[in-house]
Amino acid sequence: MEILKITAIALTGVMTAALMKSVNKDISVYIVFATVIIIFVSVAGRLADIFGFLETIYDSVAYGRTFFPVIIKVLAVAYVTDFTAQLCRDAGEGAIGSKVELAGKVIIFYLSMPVLTAILELIGTLIP
C-alpha cells in the first residue's frame, strides 16, 4: 500500500523537523521542503495514469471538448496554488501564501471566462 509508505515518509519528516527546530530552525524548514518533494515525487508516477484516464474521457465525449481543457487547467492551478501556499505557510510566510492563493483565484477566474461567456450566451438564446 502506497499510502503507508507516504505516511511513513511524512511522519519521519515531521519528527525530524520537530527535533531539528530546537537546534536550527533553518534546517527544519529544509527538512520539511525535502519531505514534501519526496512525497510529491512518489505520487507523481500516478499522474501518468490520471492523464491517460482523462484522455480517454476526452476522446469519448463530443459535447465537452471545448470546456474540458479549461476544467483540467483550473484543477491544475488549484492544486499547484494550494501546494505552494501550504509550503509558504510551513516556512512561516503566511502573507506570501495568502498572496499565492489570491493569484491562483485570479488565474482561475481568468481561465473560466470562456465558460462563463458561453453560459451567458446560452442564457441569452434561451431567454428572448
N, C-alpha and C. Protein backbone atom coordinates (compact mmCIF):
# COMPACT_ATOMS: atom_id res chain seq x y z
N MET A 1 0.83 -1.18 0.00
CA MET A 1 0.00 0.00 0.00
C MET A 1 0.88 1.25 0.00
N GLU A 2 0.66 2.01 -1.01
CA GLU A 2 1.47 3.21 -1.22
C GLU A 2 1.26 4.27 -0.14
N ILE A 3 0.04 4.34 0.39
CA ILE A 3 -0.24 5.35 1.40
C ILE A 3 0.55 5.11 2.68
N LEU A 4 0.85 3.86 2.98
CA LEU A 4 1.65 3.56 4.17
C LEU A 4 3.07 4.10 4.00
N LYS A 5 3.62 3.96 2.79
CA LYS A 5 4.95 4.50 2.51
C LYS A 5 4.95 6.02 2.65
N ILE A 6 3.93 6.65 2.10
CA ILE A 6 3.83 8.11 2.17
C ILE A 6 3.65 8.57 3.61
N THR A 7 2.84 7.84 4.36
CA THR A 7 2.64 8.18 5.77
C THR A 7 3.94 8.05 6.55
N ALA A 8 4.69 7.00 6.28
CA ALA A 8 5.98 6.81 6.97
C ALA A 8 6.95 7.95 6.63
N ILE A 9 6.99 8.33 5.37
CA ILE A 9 7.86 9.44 4.96
C ILE A 9 7.43 10.73 5.66
N ALA A 10 6.12 10.98 5.68
CA ALA A 10 5.61 12.21 6.30
C ALA A 10 5.91 12.25 7.79
N LEU A 11 5.65 11.16 8.48
CA LEU A 11 5.90 11.13 9.93
C LEU A 11 7.38 11.26 10.25
N THR A 12 8.21 10.61 9.44
CA THR A 12 9.66 10.74 9.64
C THR A 12 10.10 12.19 9.43
N GLY A 13 9.58 12.81 8.38
CA GLY A 13 9.92 14.21 8.12
C GLY A 13 9.45 15.14 9.22
N VAL A 14 8.23 14.91 9.71
CA VAL A 14 7.69 15.76 10.77
C VAL A 14 8.50 15.62 12.05
N MET A 15 8.81 14.38 12.42
CA MET A 15 9.59 14.17 13.66
C MET A 15 11.00 14.74 13.53
N THR A 16 11.63 14.54 12.37
CA THR A 16 12.97 15.07 12.17
C THR A 16 12.96 16.60 12.20
N ALA A 17 11.98 17.19 11.53
CA ALA A 17 11.88 18.65 11.52
C ALA A 17 11.61 19.20 12.92
N ALA A 18 10.76 18.51 13.68
CA ALA A 18 10.47 18.96 15.05
C ALA A 18 11.71 18.88 15.93
N LEU A 19 12.49 17.82 15.77
CA LEU A 19 13.72 17.69 16.56
C LEU A 19 14.75 18.75 16.16
N MET A 20 14.85 19.02 14.87
CA MET A 20 15.85 19.98 14.39
C MET A 20 15.44 21.43 14.64
N LYS A 21 14.13 21.67 14.86
CA LYS A 21 13.66 23.04 15.07
C LYS A 21 14.32 23.67 16.30
N SER A 22 14.56 22.86 17.33
CA SER A 22 15.20 23.41 18.53
C SER A 22 16.68 23.67 18.32
N VAL A 23 17.29 22.93 17.39
CA VAL A 23 18.72 23.11 17.12
C VAL A 23 18.94 24.24 16.11
N ASN A 24 18.24 24.14 14.97
CA ASN A 24 18.42 25.13 13.90
C ASN A 24 17.13 25.20 13.09
N LYS A 25 16.43 26.31 13.19
CA LYS A 25 15.13 26.44 12.52
C LYS A 25 15.27 26.39 11.00
N ASP A 26 16.36 26.91 10.46
CA ASP A 26 16.56 26.89 9.01
C ASP A 26 16.63 25.47 8.48
N ILE A 27 17.36 24.62 9.16
CA ILE A 27 17.47 23.22 8.73
C ILE A 27 16.10 22.55 8.80
N SER A 28 15.31 22.91 9.79
CA SER A 28 13.97 22.35 9.94
C SER A 28 13.11 22.65 8.72
N VAL A 29 13.20 23.87 8.22
CA VAL A 29 12.43 24.25 7.02
C VAL A 29 12.88 23.44 5.82
N TYR A 30 14.18 23.24 5.66
CA TYR A 30 14.69 22.45 4.54
C TYR A 30 14.25 21.00 4.64
N ILE A 31 14.16 20.48 5.84
CA ILE A 31 13.69 19.10 6.02
C ILE A 31 12.23 18.99 5.60
N VAL A 32 11.43 19.99 5.96
CA VAL A 32 10.02 20.00 5.55
C VAL A 32 9.92 20.05 4.03
N PHE A 33 10.68 20.94 3.39
CA PHE A 33 10.66 21.03 1.92
C PHE A 33 11.08 19.71 1.28
N ALA A 34 12.14 19.11 1.79
CA ALA A 34 12.62 17.84 1.24
C ALA A 34 11.56 16.75 1.40
N THR A 35 10.90 16.72 2.54
CA THR A 35 9.85 15.73 2.77
C THR A 35 8.71 15.91 1.78
N VAL A 36 8.30 17.15 1.58
CA VAL A 36 7.22 17.43 0.64
C VAL A 36 7.61 17.02 -0.77
N ILE A 37 8.82 17.31 -1.17
CA ILE A 37 9.28 16.95 -2.52
C ILE A 37 9.33 15.44 -2.68
N ILE A 38 9.81 14.73 -1.67
CA ILE A 38 9.86 13.26 -1.74
C ILE A 38 8.45 12.69 -1.87
N ILE A 39 7.51 13.22 -1.11
CA ILE A 39 6.13 12.73 -1.21
C ILE A 39 5.56 13.04 -2.58
N PHE A 40 5.80 14.24 -3.08
CA PHE A 40 5.29 14.61 -4.40
C PHE A 40 5.86 13.72 -5.49
N VAL A 41 7.16 13.47 -5.44
CA VAL A 41 7.80 12.61 -6.45
C VAL A 41 7.26 11.19 -6.36
N SER A 42 6.97 10.72 -5.15
CA SER A 42 6.48 9.35 -5.01
C SER A 42 5.08 9.17 -5.58
N VAL A 43 4.28 10.22 -5.64
CA VAL A 43 2.95 10.10 -6.25
C VAL A 43 2.90 10.63 -7.68
N ALA A 44 3.97 11.23 -8.14
CA ALA A 44 3.99 11.80 -9.49
C ALA A 44 3.82 10.73 -10.56
N GLY A 45 4.25 9.51 -10.27
CA GLY A 45 4.08 8.42 -11.22
C GLY A 45 2.62 8.13 -11.52
N ARG A 46 1.76 8.38 -10.56
CA ARG A 46 0.32 8.16 -10.75
C ARG A 46 -0.29 9.20 -11.68
N LEU A 47 0.39 10.32 -11.86
CA LEU A 47 -0.15 11.36 -12.74
C LEU A 47 -0.30 10.88 -14.17
N ALA A 48 0.61 10.02 -14.63
CA ALA A 48 0.50 9.48 -15.99
C ALA A 48 -0.78 8.68 -16.14
N ASP A 49 -1.12 7.89 -15.12
CA ASP A 49 -2.37 7.12 -15.15
C ASP A 49 -3.58 8.04 -15.17
N ILE A 50 -3.52 9.09 -14.37
CA ILE A 50 -4.63 10.04 -14.31
C ILE A 50 -4.81 10.75 -15.65
N PHE A 51 -3.70 11.18 -16.26
CA PHE A 51 -3.80 11.85 -17.56
C PHE A 51 -4.28 10.89 -18.65
N GLY A 52 -3.89 9.63 -18.56
CA GLY A 52 -4.41 8.63 -19.50
C GLY A 52 -5.92 8.47 -19.37
N PHE A 53 -6.40 8.43 -18.14
CA PHE A 53 -7.83 8.34 -17.88
C PHE A 53 -8.56 9.57 -18.42
N LEU A 54 -8.00 10.75 -18.16
CA LEU A 54 -8.62 11.98 -18.65
C LEU A 54 -8.64 12.04 -20.17
N GLU A 55 -7.59 11.52 -20.80
CA GLU A 55 -7.56 11.48 -22.27
C GLU A 55 -8.66 10.57 -22.80
N THR A 56 -8.90 9.44 -22.13
CA THR A 56 -9.97 8.53 -22.53
C THR A 56 -11.32 9.22 -22.43
N ILE A 57 -11.54 9.93 -21.34
CA ILE A 57 -12.80 10.66 -21.19
C ILE A 57 -12.93 11.73 -22.27
N TYR A 58 -11.85 12.44 -22.53
CA TYR A 58 -11.87 13.49 -23.54
C TYR A 58 -12.22 12.93 -24.91
N ASP A 59 -11.68 11.76 -25.23
CA ASP A 59 -11.96 11.15 -26.53
C ASP A 59 -13.39 10.63 -26.63
N SER A 60 -14.00 10.30 -25.49
CA SER A 60 -15.32 9.69 -25.54
C SER A 60 -16.46 10.71 -25.51
N VAL A 61 -16.20 11.93 -25.12
CA VAL A 61 -17.27 12.93 -25.08
C VAL A 61 -17.09 13.91 -26.24
N ALA A 62 -18.18 14.14 -26.93
CA ALA A 62 -18.13 15.07 -28.06
C ALA A 62 -18.57 16.46 -27.64
N TYR A 63 -19.45 16.53 -26.66
CA TYR A 63 -20.03 17.81 -26.29
C TYR A 63 -19.17 18.65 -25.36
N GLY A 64 -18.20 18.06 -24.69
CA GLY A 64 -17.43 18.81 -23.73
C GLY A 64 -16.03 19.15 -24.16
N ARG A 65 -15.71 18.94 -25.42
CA ARG A 65 -14.34 19.16 -25.88
C ARG A 65 -13.88 20.61 -25.73
N THR A 66 -14.78 21.52 -25.81
CA THR A 66 -14.41 22.93 -25.69
C THR A 66 -14.01 23.28 -24.26
N PHE A 67 -14.74 22.72 -23.31
CA PHE A 67 -14.55 23.12 -21.92
C PHE A 67 -13.66 22.17 -21.12
N PHE A 68 -13.42 20.98 -21.63
CA PHE A 68 -12.62 20.00 -20.90
C PHE A 68 -11.21 20.51 -20.60
N PRO A 69 -10.50 21.08 -21.58
CA PRO A 69 -9.16 21.63 -21.26
C PRO A 69 -9.20 22.73 -20.21
N VAL A 70 -10.26 23.53 -20.22
CA VAL A 70 -10.39 24.59 -19.22
C VAL A 70 -10.52 23.99 -17.83
N ILE A 71 -11.33 22.94 -17.71
CA ILE A 71 -11.51 22.28 -16.42
C ILE A 71 -10.19 21.72 -15.91
N ILE A 72 -9.43 21.08 -16.79
CA ILE A 72 -8.14 20.50 -16.40
C ILE A 72 -7.18 21.60 -15.96
N LYS A 73 -7.14 22.71 -16.69
CA LYS A 73 -6.26 23.82 -16.32
C LYS A 73 -6.65 24.41 -14.97
N VAL A 74 -7.94 24.56 -14.73
CA VAL A 74 -8.41 25.11 -13.46
C VAL A 74 -8.02 24.18 -12.31
N LEU A 75 -8.20 22.88 -12.50
CA LEU A 75 -7.81 21.92 -11.46
C LEU A 75 -6.31 21.99 -11.19
N ALA A 76 -5.52 22.07 -12.25
CA ALA A 76 -4.07 22.15 -12.09
C ALA A 76 -3.66 23.41 -11.33
N VAL A 77 -4.25 24.53 -11.69
CA VAL A 77 -3.93 25.79 -10.99
C VAL A 77 -4.33 25.68 -9.52
N ALA A 78 -5.49 25.09 -9.25
CA ALA A 78 -5.95 24.96 -7.86
C ALA A 78 -4.99 24.11 -7.04
N TYR A 79 -4.56 22.97 -7.58
CA TYR A 79 -3.64 22.09 -6.85
C TYR A 79 -2.28 22.75 -6.63
N VAL A 80 -1.74 23.35 -7.68
CA VAL A 80 -0.42 23.98 -7.56
C VAL A 80 -0.48 25.16 -6.59
N THR A 81 -1.56 25.94 -6.65
CA THR A 81 -1.72 27.07 -5.75
C THR A 81 -1.79 26.61 -4.30
N ASP A 82 -2.60 25.59 -4.04
CA ASP A 82 -2.72 25.08 -2.67
C ASP A 82 -1.40 24.53 -2.17
N PHE A 83 -0.71 23.77 -3.01
CA PHE A 83 0.58 23.18 -2.65
C PHE A 83 1.59 24.27 -2.29
N THR A 84 1.67 25.30 -3.13
CA THR A 84 2.62 26.39 -2.91
C THR A 84 2.27 27.21 -1.67
N ALA A 85 0.98 27.51 -1.50
CA ALA A 85 0.56 28.30 -0.34
C ALA A 85 0.85 27.55 0.96
N GLN A 86 0.64 26.25 0.98
CA GLN A 86 0.93 25.47 2.18
C GLN A 86 2.43 25.45 2.47
N LEU A 87 3.25 25.35 1.43
CA LEU A 87 4.70 25.41 1.64
C LEU A 87 5.11 26.75 2.23
N CYS A 88 4.51 27.82 1.73
CA CYS A 88 4.83 29.15 2.27
C CYS A 88 4.43 29.24 3.74
N ARG A 89 3.27 28.72 4.08
CA ARG A 89 2.83 28.76 5.48
C ARG A 89 3.73 27.90 6.37
N ASP A 90 4.15 26.74 5.86
CA ASP A 90 5.05 25.88 6.63
C ASP A 90 6.39 26.57 6.89
N ALA A 91 6.79 27.44 5.97
CA ALA A 91 8.04 28.18 6.14
C ALA A 91 7.84 29.43 7.01
N GLY A 92 6.61 29.63 7.49
CA GLY A 92 6.35 30.78 8.33
C GLY A 92 6.03 32.05 7.57
N GLU A 93 5.76 31.91 6.29
CA GLU A 93 5.47 33.08 5.44
C GLU A 93 4.01 33.05 5.01
N GLY A 94 3.11 33.24 5.98
CA GLY A 94 1.68 33.20 5.70
C GLY A 94 1.22 34.28 4.75
N ALA A 95 1.85 35.46 4.81
CA ALA A 95 1.45 36.56 3.92
C ALA A 95 1.72 36.20 2.46
N ILE A 96 2.86 35.59 2.21
CA ILE A 96 3.17 35.17 0.83
C ILE A 96 2.20 34.08 0.40
N GLY A 97 1.91 33.14 1.30
CA GLY A 97 0.95 32.08 0.98
C GLY A 97 -0.41 32.64 0.62
N SER A 98 -0.85 33.66 1.34
CA SER A 98 -2.14 34.29 1.04
C SER A 98 -2.13 34.95 -0.33
N LYS A 99 -1.02 35.57 -0.69
CA LYS A 99 -0.93 36.22 -2.00
C LYS A 99 -0.88 35.19 -3.12
N VAL A 100 -0.26 34.05 -2.86
CA VAL A 100 -0.26 32.97 -3.85
C VAL A 100 -1.70 32.49 -4.07
N GLU A 101 -2.46 32.37 -2.99
CA GLU A 101 -3.86 31.96 -3.13
C GLU A 101 -4.67 33.00 -3.90
N LEU A 102 -4.43 34.28 -3.64
CA LEU A 102 -5.12 35.34 -4.37
C LEU A 102 -4.78 35.25 -5.86
N ALA A 103 -3.51 35.07 -6.17
CA ALA A 103 -3.10 34.95 -7.57
C ALA A 103 -3.76 33.74 -8.22
N GLY A 104 -3.84 32.64 -7.49
CA GLY A 104 -4.50 31.44 -8.02
C GLY A 104 -5.96 31.69 -8.33
N LYS A 105 -6.65 32.41 -7.45
CA LYS A 105 -8.06 32.72 -7.67
C LYS A 105 -8.25 33.59 -8.90
N VAL A 106 -7.38 34.58 -9.07
CA VAL A 106 -7.46 35.45 -10.24
C VAL A 106 -7.23 34.65 -11.52
N ILE A 107 -6.23 33.78 -11.50
CA ILE A 107 -5.93 32.97 -12.68
C ILE A 107 -7.08 32.02 -12.99
N ILE A 108 -7.67 31.41 -11.96
CA ILE A 108 -8.81 30.52 -12.17
C ILE A 108 -9.98 31.29 -12.77
N PHE A 109 -10.24 32.48 -12.28
CA PHE A 109 -11.32 33.28 -12.86
C PHE A 109 -11.03 33.61 -14.32
N TYR A 110 -9.78 33.99 -14.60
CA TYR A 110 -9.39 34.29 -15.98
C TYR A 110 -9.58 33.08 -16.88
N LEU A 111 -9.16 31.90 -16.40
CA LEU A 111 -9.29 30.69 -17.21
C LEU A 111 -10.75 30.31 -17.44
N SER A 112 -11.61 30.65 -16.49
CA SER A 112 -13.02 30.26 -16.61
C SER A 112 -13.86 31.25 -17.41
N MET A 113 -13.27 32.35 -17.84
CA MET A 113 -14.03 33.35 -18.58
C MET A 113 -14.68 32.81 -19.86
N PRO A 114 -14.03 31.95 -20.65
CA PRO A 114 -14.72 31.41 -21.82
C PRO A 114 -15.95 30.58 -21.46
N VAL A 115 -15.88 29.85 -20.36
CA VAL A 115 -17.03 29.06 -19.92
C VAL A 115 -18.16 29.99 -19.49
N LEU A 116 -17.83 31.02 -18.73
CA LEU A 116 -18.85 31.98 -18.30
C LEU A 116 -19.48 32.69 -19.49
N THR A 117 -18.67 33.04 -20.47
CA THR A 117 -19.18 33.69 -21.68
C THR A 117 -20.14 32.77 -22.42
N ALA A 118 -19.79 31.50 -22.55
CA ALA A 118 -20.65 30.54 -23.24
C ALA A 118 -21.96 30.35 -22.49
N ILE A 119 -21.90 30.32 -21.16
CA ILE A 119 -23.13 30.18 -20.37
C ILE A 119 -24.03 31.40 -20.56
N LEU A 120 -23.44 32.59 -20.53
CA LEU A 120 -24.24 33.80 -20.73
C LEU A 120 -24.84 33.85 -22.13
N GLU A 121 -24.09 33.41 -23.14
CA GLU A 121 -24.63 33.36 -24.50
C GLU A 121 -25.77 32.36 -24.60
N LEU A 122 -25.63 31.21 -23.93
CA LEU A 122 -26.69 30.20 -23.94
C LEU A 122 -27.94 30.74 -23.26
N ILE A 123 -27.77 31.42 -22.15
CA ILE A 123 -28.91 32.02 -21.46
C ILE A 123 -29.56 33.07 -22.35
N GLY A 124 -28.75 33.83 -23.08
CA GLY A 124 -29.28 34.84 -23.98
C GLY A 124 -30.11 34.25 -25.11
N THR A 125 -29.75 33.07 -25.58
CA THR A 125 -30.53 32.43 -26.64
C THR A 125 -31.80 31.77 -26.09
N LEU A 126 -31.78 31.37 -24.83
CA LEU A 126 -32.95 30.71 -24.25
C LEU A 126 -34.01 31.71 -23.80
N ILE A 127 -33.56 32.88 -23.36
CA ILE A 127 -34.49 33.90 -22.88
C ILE A 127 -34.60 34.99 -23.95
N PRO A 128 -35.79 35.15 -24.53
CA PRO A 128 -35.94 36.16 -25.59
C PRO A 128 -35.95 37.57 -25.06
